[in-house]
Amino acid sequence: MDPAFSQQYDLVRGARAALLRYCATLSPAHFVAPVAAFNHSSIRDLLVHVAGCYQAWLGEVGLGRALLRPQPAQVPDVAAVRVLFADVDALVREFGQHFASQWLTPQRFDSPRHPAPLQLSPLQLFTHVITHEFHHKGQALSMSRQLGYVPVDTDVIRT
C-alpha cells in the first residue's frame, strides 16, 4: 500500500478513535436517541451511515463488490460500531492495495446510483469517503451537544 495513503488513513482512524472513545462516555440511551434537528437520526445512525459510505464507494463502486450494508438496528452500541469500523479498515486496506500504483489515474467506475459510469481517480473516491466521515463526525458531536454533553476534540491534530 502507498505509504502516504496508509499514513493519511491512520490519521483518520485516530480521529475516529477519539470520537468513539467519546461516544463510549455517552449514555447508551443517548447514543441511539433520535435528534429532531438532525432528521431524527441518532449518533449511532450517523456512524453506521459513515461505514456504509465506505462500503458503497470503496467496496461496491471502487472494487466492484456487492456488500451488505448494516442497518442501524444491527449495531446496538459503541462496541458494535467499533467492530463495524474494523471491517471498514480491512476494506480500506484492500482498496489501497488494489489501487496502489494508480491513485491519480482516472478510471471508469460503475455505480448503481448513477446511470452512466463515473470517471474518477481512486484518490477521488478515497477523499470522498474521508471528507464524508469528517462531515458526519462534526454532526455527531453537535448532536451530543444538543443531548447535553460537552464534545471533546476529535480533530486529526488534537490539543
C-alpha atoms as a PDB file:
ATOM      1  CA  MET A   1       0.000   0.000   0.000  1.00  0.00           C
ATOM      2  CA  ASP A   2       1.199   3.532  -0.734  1.00  0.00           C
ATOM      3  CA  PRO A   3       2.833   4.978   2.421  1.00  0.00           C
ATOM      4  CA  ALA A   4       1.128   8.374   2.114  1.00  0.00           C
ATOM      5  CA  PHE A   5      -2.281   6.728   1.717  1.00  0.00           C
ATOM      6  CA  SER A   6      -1.619   4.490   4.703  1.00  0.00           C
ATOM      7  CA  GLN A   7      -0.412   7.367   6.866  1.00  0.00           C
ATOM      8  CA  GLN A   8      -3.360   9.546   5.920  1.00  0.00           C
ATOM      9  CA  TYR A   9      -5.828   6.814   6.777  1.00  0.00           C
ATOM     10  CA  ASP A  10      -4.038   6.271  10.109  1.00  0.00           C
ATOM     11  CA  LEU A  11      -4.797   9.937  10.880  1.00  0.00           C
ATOM     12  CA  VAL A  12      -8.459   9.379  10.003  1.00  0.00           C
ATOM     13  CA  ARG A  13      -8.535   6.281  12.216  1.00  0.00           C
ATOM     14  CA  GLY A  14      -7.006   8.234  15.089  1.00  0.00           C
ATOM     15  CA  ALA A  15      -9.671  10.924  14.839  1.00  0.00           C
ATOM     16  CA  ARG A  16     -12.343   8.242  14.629  1.00  0.00           C
ATOM     17  CA  ALA A  17     -10.922   6.504  17.709  1.00  0.00           C
ATOM     18  CA  ALA A  18     -11.152   9.791  19.622  1.00  0.00           C
ATOM     19  CA  LEU A  19     -14.797  10.106  18.581  1.00  0.00           C
ATOM     20  CA  LEU A  20     -15.606   6.528  19.573  1.00  0.00           C
ATOM     21  CA  ARG A  21     -13.889   6.942  22.956  1.00  0.00           C
ATOM     22  CA  TYR A  22     -16.072   9.990  23.498  1.00  0.00           C
ATOM     23  CA  CYS A  23     -19.197   8.148  22.328  1.00  0.00           C
ATOM     24  CA  ALA A  24     -18.460   5.428  24.887  1.00  0.00           C
ATOM     25  CA  THR A  25     -18.912   8.069  27.612  1.00  0.00           C
ATOM     26  CA  LEU A  26     -22.439   8.908  26.448  1.00  0.00           C
ATOM     27  CA  SER A  27     -25.339   7.108  27.998  1.00  0.00           C
ATOM     28  CA  PRO A  28     -26.368   4.147  25.819  1.00  0.00           C
ATOM     29  CA  ALA A  29     -29.834   5.678  25.517  1.00  0.00           C
ATOM     30  CA  HIS A  30     -28.429   8.963  24.210  1.00  0.00           C
ATOM     31  CA  PHE A  31     -26.157   7.159  21.737  1.00  0.00           C
ATOM     32  CA  VAL A  32     -29.228   5.767  19.952  1.00  0.00           C
ATOM     33  CA  ALA A  33     -31.642   8.648  20.691  1.00  0.00           C
ATOM     34  CA  PRO A  34     -33.178  10.383  17.673  1.00  0.00           C
ATOM     35  CA  VAL A  35     -32.289  14.073  17.499  1.00  0.00           C
ATOM     36  CA  ALA A  36     -35.042  16.152  15.893  1.00  0.00           C
ATOM     37  CA  ALA A  37     -32.693  18.771  14.434  1.00  0.00           C
ATOM     38  CA  PHE A  38     -30.855  16.014  12.558  1.00  0.00           C
ATOM     39  CA  ASN A  39     -33.818  14.453  10.789  1.00  0.00           C
ATOM     40  CA  HIS A  40     -34.474  12.255  13.833  1.00  0.00           C
ATOM     41  CA  SER A  41     -31.204  10.372  13.282  1.00  0.00           C
ATOM     42  CA  SER A  42     -29.088   9.274  16.204  1.00  0.00           C
ATOM     43  CA  ILE A  43     -25.348   9.422  16.693  1.00  0.00           C
ATOM     44  CA  ARG A  44     -25.293   5.669  16.137  1.00  0.00           C
ATOM     45  CA  ASP A  45     -27.274   6.086  12.903  1.00  0.00           C
ATOM     46  CA  LEU A  46     -24.729   8.578  11.561  1.00  0.00           C
ATOM     47  CA  LEU A  47     -21.799   6.302  12.368  1.00  0.00           C
ATOM     48  CA  VAL A  48     -23.468   3.355  10.649  1.00  0.00           C
ATOM     49  CA  HIS A  49     -24.174   5.612   7.668  1.00  0.00           C
ATOM     50  CA  VAL A  50     -20.492   6.606   7.504  1.00  0.00           C
ATOM     51  CA  ALA A  51     -19.408   2.961   7.490  1.00  0.00           C
ATOM     52  CA  GLY A  52     -21.974   2.291   4.769  1.00  0.00           C
ATOM     53  CA  CYS A  53     -20.497   5.087   2.684  1.00  0.00           C
ATOM     54  CA  TYR A  54     -17.079   3.420   2.791  1.00  0.00           C
ATOM     55  CA  GLN A  55     -18.686   0.141   1.787  1.00  0.00           C
ATOM     56  CA  ALA A  56     -20.639   1.743  -1.049  1.00  0.00           C
ATOM     57  CA  TRP A  57     -17.908   3.896  -2.567  1.00  0.00           C
ATOM     58  CA  LEU A  58     -14.774   1.842  -1.930  1.00  0.00           C
ATOM     59  CA  GLY A  59     -16.272  -1.642  -1.911  1.00  0.00           C
ATOM     60  CA  GLU A  60     -19.154  -1.525  -4.354  1.00  0.00           C
ATOM     61  CA  VAL A  61     -18.023   1.219  -6.733  1.00  0.00           C
ATOM     62  CA  GLY A  62     -14.240   1.025  -6.335  1.00  0.00           C
ATOM     63  CA  LEU A  63     -13.731  -2.719  -6.067  1.00  0.00           C
ATOM     64  CA  GLY A  64     -16.944  -3.840  -7.772  1.00  0.00           C
ATOM     65  CA  ARG A  65     -18.007  -5.975  -4.805  1.00  0.00           C
ATOM     66  CA  ALA A  66     -21.563  -6.418  -3.631  1.00  0.00           C
ATOM     67  CA  LEU A  67     -21.657  -5.694   0.094  1.00  0.00           C
ATOM     68  CA  LEU A  68     -24.478  -5.872   2.565  1.00  0.00           C
ATOM     69  CA  ARG A  69     -24.566  -2.596   4.406  1.00  0.00           C
ATOM     70  CA  PRO A  70     -25.674  -2.884   8.012  1.00  0.00           C
ATOM     71  CA  GLN A  71     -28.809  -1.267   9.315  1.00  0.00           C
ATOM     72  CA  PRO A  72     -28.549   0.844  12.477  1.00  0.00           C
ATOM     73  CA  ALA A  73     -30.674  -1.624  14.464  1.00  0.00           C
ATOM     74  CA  GLN A  74     -27.979  -4.255  13.811  1.00  0.00           C
ATOM     75  CA  VAL A  75     -25.409  -2.018  15.532  1.00  0.00           C
ATOM     76  CA  PRO A  76     -26.748  -1.500  19.060  1.00  0.00           C
ATOM     77  CA  ASP A  77     -23.797   0.147  20.817  1.00  0.00           C
ATOM     78  CA  VAL A  78     -20.329   1.657  20.543  1.00  0.00           C
ATOM     79  CA  ALA A  79     -18.662  -1.765  20.762  1.00  0.00           C
ATOM     80  CA  ALA A  80     -20.629  -2.894  17.702  1.00  0.00           C
ATOM     81  CA  VAL A  81     -19.670   0.326  15.882  1.00  0.00           C
ATOM     82  CA  ARG A  82     -16.010  -0.491  16.574  1.00  0.00           C
ATOM     83  CA  VAL A  83     -16.493  -3.942  15.016  1.00  0.00           C
ATOM     84  CA  LEU A  84     -18.176  -2.345  12.016  1.00  0.00           C
ATOM     85  CA  PHE A  85     -15.255   0.037  11.526  1.00  0.00           C
ATOM     86  CA  ALA A  86     -12.750  -2.825  11.835  1.00  0.00           C
ATOM     87  CA  ASP A  87     -14.448  -4.211   8.712  1.00  0.00           C
ATOM     88  CA  VAL A  88     -14.174  -0.765   7.108  1.00  0.00           C
ATOM     89  CA  ASP A  89     -10.442  -0.694   7.945  1.00  0.00           C
ATOM     90  CA  ALA A  90      -9.976  -4.035   6.179  1.00  0.00           C
ATOM     91  CA  LEU A  91     -11.880  -2.718   3.163  1.00  0.00           C
ATOM     92  CA  VAL A  92      -9.734   0.435   3.043  1.00  0.00           C
ATOM     93  CA  ARG A  93      -6.562  -1.697   3.162  1.00  0.00           C
ATOM     94  CA  GLU A  94      -7.871  -3.815   0.285  1.00  0.00           C
ATOM     95  CA  PHE A  95      -8.794  -0.721  -1.713  1.00  0.00           C
ATOM     96  CA  GLY A  96      -5.364   0.796  -1.038  1.00  0.00           C
ATOM     97  CA  GLN A  97      -3.555  -2.344  -2.148  1.00  0.00           C
ATOM     98  CA  HIS A  98      -5.711  -2.708  -5.257  1.00  0.00           C
ATOM     99  CA  PHE A  99      -5.052   0.845  -6.450  1.00  0.00           C
ATOM    100  CA  ALA A 100      -1.535   1.263  -5.006  1.00  0.00           C
ATOM    101  CA  SER A 101       0.082   2.430  -8.237  1.00  0.00           C
ATOM    102  CA  GLN A 102      -2.961   4.122  -9.784  1.00  0.00           C
ATOM    103  CA  TRP A 103      -4.008   6.794  -7.266  1.00  0.00           C
ATOM    104  CA  LEU A 104      -4.181   9.642  -9.735  1.00  0.00           C
ATOM    105  CA  THR A 105      -5.299   7.721 -12.817  1.00  0.00           C
ATOM    106  CA  PRO A 106      -8.933   8.390 -13.758  1.00  0.00           C
ATOM    107  CA  GLN A 107     -10.814   5.155 -14.219  1.00  0.00           C
ATOM    108  CA  ARG A 108     -14.287   4.082 -15.162  1.00  0.00           C
ATOM    109  CA  PHE A 109     -16.358   3.118 -12.155  1.00  0.00           C
ATOM    110  CA  ASP A 110     -19.884   1.783 -12.305  1.00  0.00           C
ATOM    111  CA  SER A 111     -22.239   2.936  -9.586  1.00  0.00           C
ATOM    112  CA  PRO A 112     -25.731   1.571  -9.074  1.00  0.00           C
ATOM    113  CA  ARG A 113     -26.864   5.088  -8.147  1.00  0.00           C
ATOM    114  CA  HIS A 114     -25.608   6.737 -11.329  1.00  0.00           C
ATOM    115  CA  PRO A 115     -26.976   5.985 -14.807  1.00  0.00           C
ATOM    116  CA  ALA A 116     -23.620   6.403 -16.536  1.00  0.00           C
ATOM    117  CA  PRO A 117     -20.169   5.201 -15.490  1.00  0.00           C
ATOM    118  CA  LEU A 118     -18.156   7.668 -13.422  1.00  0.00           C
ATOM    119  CA  GLN A 119     -14.668   8.815 -14.453  1.00  0.00           C
ATOM    120  CA  LEU A 120     -12.832   9.181 -11.161  1.00  0.00           C
ATOM    121  CA  SER A 121      -9.418   8.568  -9.741  1.00  0.00           C
ATOM    122  CA  PRO A 122      -9.097   6.220  -6.769  1.00  0.00           C
ATOM    123  CA  LEU A 123      -7.826   9.260  -4.864  1.00  0.00           C
ATOM    124  CA  GLN A 124     -11.157  10.998  -5.510  1.00  0.00           C
ATOM    125  CA  LEU A 125     -13.077   8.015  -4.139  1.00  0.00           C
ATOM    126  CA  PHE A 126     -10.887   7.876  -1.043  1.00  0.00           C
ATOM    127  CA  THR A 127     -11.079  11.629  -0.483  1.00  0.00           C
ATOM    128  CA  HIS A 128     -14.855  11.484  -0.826  1.00  0.00           C
ATOM    129  CA  VAL A 129     -15.285   8.902   1.933  1.00  0.00           C
ATOM    130  CA  ILE A 130     -12.913  10.519   4.407  1.00  0.00           C
ATOM    131  CA  THR A 131     -14.362  14.011   3.984  1.00  0.00           C
ATOM    132  CA  HIS A 132     -17.832  12.489   4.280  1.00  0.00           C
ATOM    133  CA  GLU A 133     -16.764  10.862   7.553  1.00  0.00           C
ATOM    134  CA  PHE A 134     -15.455  14.149   8.961  1.00  0.00           C
ATOM    135  CA  HIS A 135     -18.642  15.963   7.948  1.00  0.00           C
ATOM    136  CA  HIS A 136     -20.752  13.479   9.877  1.00  0.00           C
ATOM    137  CA  LYS A 137     -18.284  13.366  12.774  1.00  0.00           C
ATOM    138  CA  GLY A 138     -18.988  17.055  13.287  1.00  0.00           C
ATOM    139  CA  GLN A 139     -22.705  16.386  13.147  1.00  0.00           C
ATOM    140  CA  ALA A 140     -22.386  13.609  15.733  1.00  0.00           C
ATOM    141  CA  LEU A 141     -20.583  15.997  18.075  1.00  0.00           C
ATOM    142  CA  SER A 142     -23.264  18.647  17.529  1.00  0.00           C
ATOM    143  CA  MET A 143     -25.926  16.054  18.277  1.00  0.00           C
ATOM    144  CA  SER A 144     -24.198  15.174  21.530  1.00  0.00           C
ATOM    145  CA  ARG A 145     -24.158  18.849  22.494  1.00  0.00           C
ATOM    146  CA  GLN A 146     -27.906  19.001  21.888  1.00  0.00           C
ATOM    147  CA  LEU A 147     -28.245  15.989  24.193  1.00  0.00           C
ATOM    148  CA  GLY A 148     -26.455  17.924  26.966  1.00  0.00           C
ATOM    149  CA  TYR A 149     -22.832  16.787  26.577  1.00  0.00           C
ATOM    150  CA  VAL A 150     -19.667  18.816  26.057  1.00  0.00           C
ATOM    151  CA  PRO A 151     -17.884  17.421  22.985  1.00  0.00           C
ATOM    152  CA  VAL A 152     -14.176  16.676  23.068  1.00  0.00           C
ATOM    153  CA  ASP A 153     -11.579  17.463  20.416  1.00  0.00           C
ATOM    154  CA  THR A 154     -11.685  14.782  17.753  1.00  0.00           C
ATOM    155  CA  ASP A 155      -9.665  16.520  15.059  1.00  0.00           C
ATOM    156  CA  VAL A 156      -6.669  14.907  13.389  1.00  0.00           C
ATOM    157  CA  ILE A 157      -4.477  17.341  15.317  1.00  0.00           C
ATOM    158  CA  ARG A 158      -5.848  17.297  18.849  1.00  0.00           C
ATOM    159  CA  THR A 159      -4.683  19.669  21.556  1.00  0.00           C
END
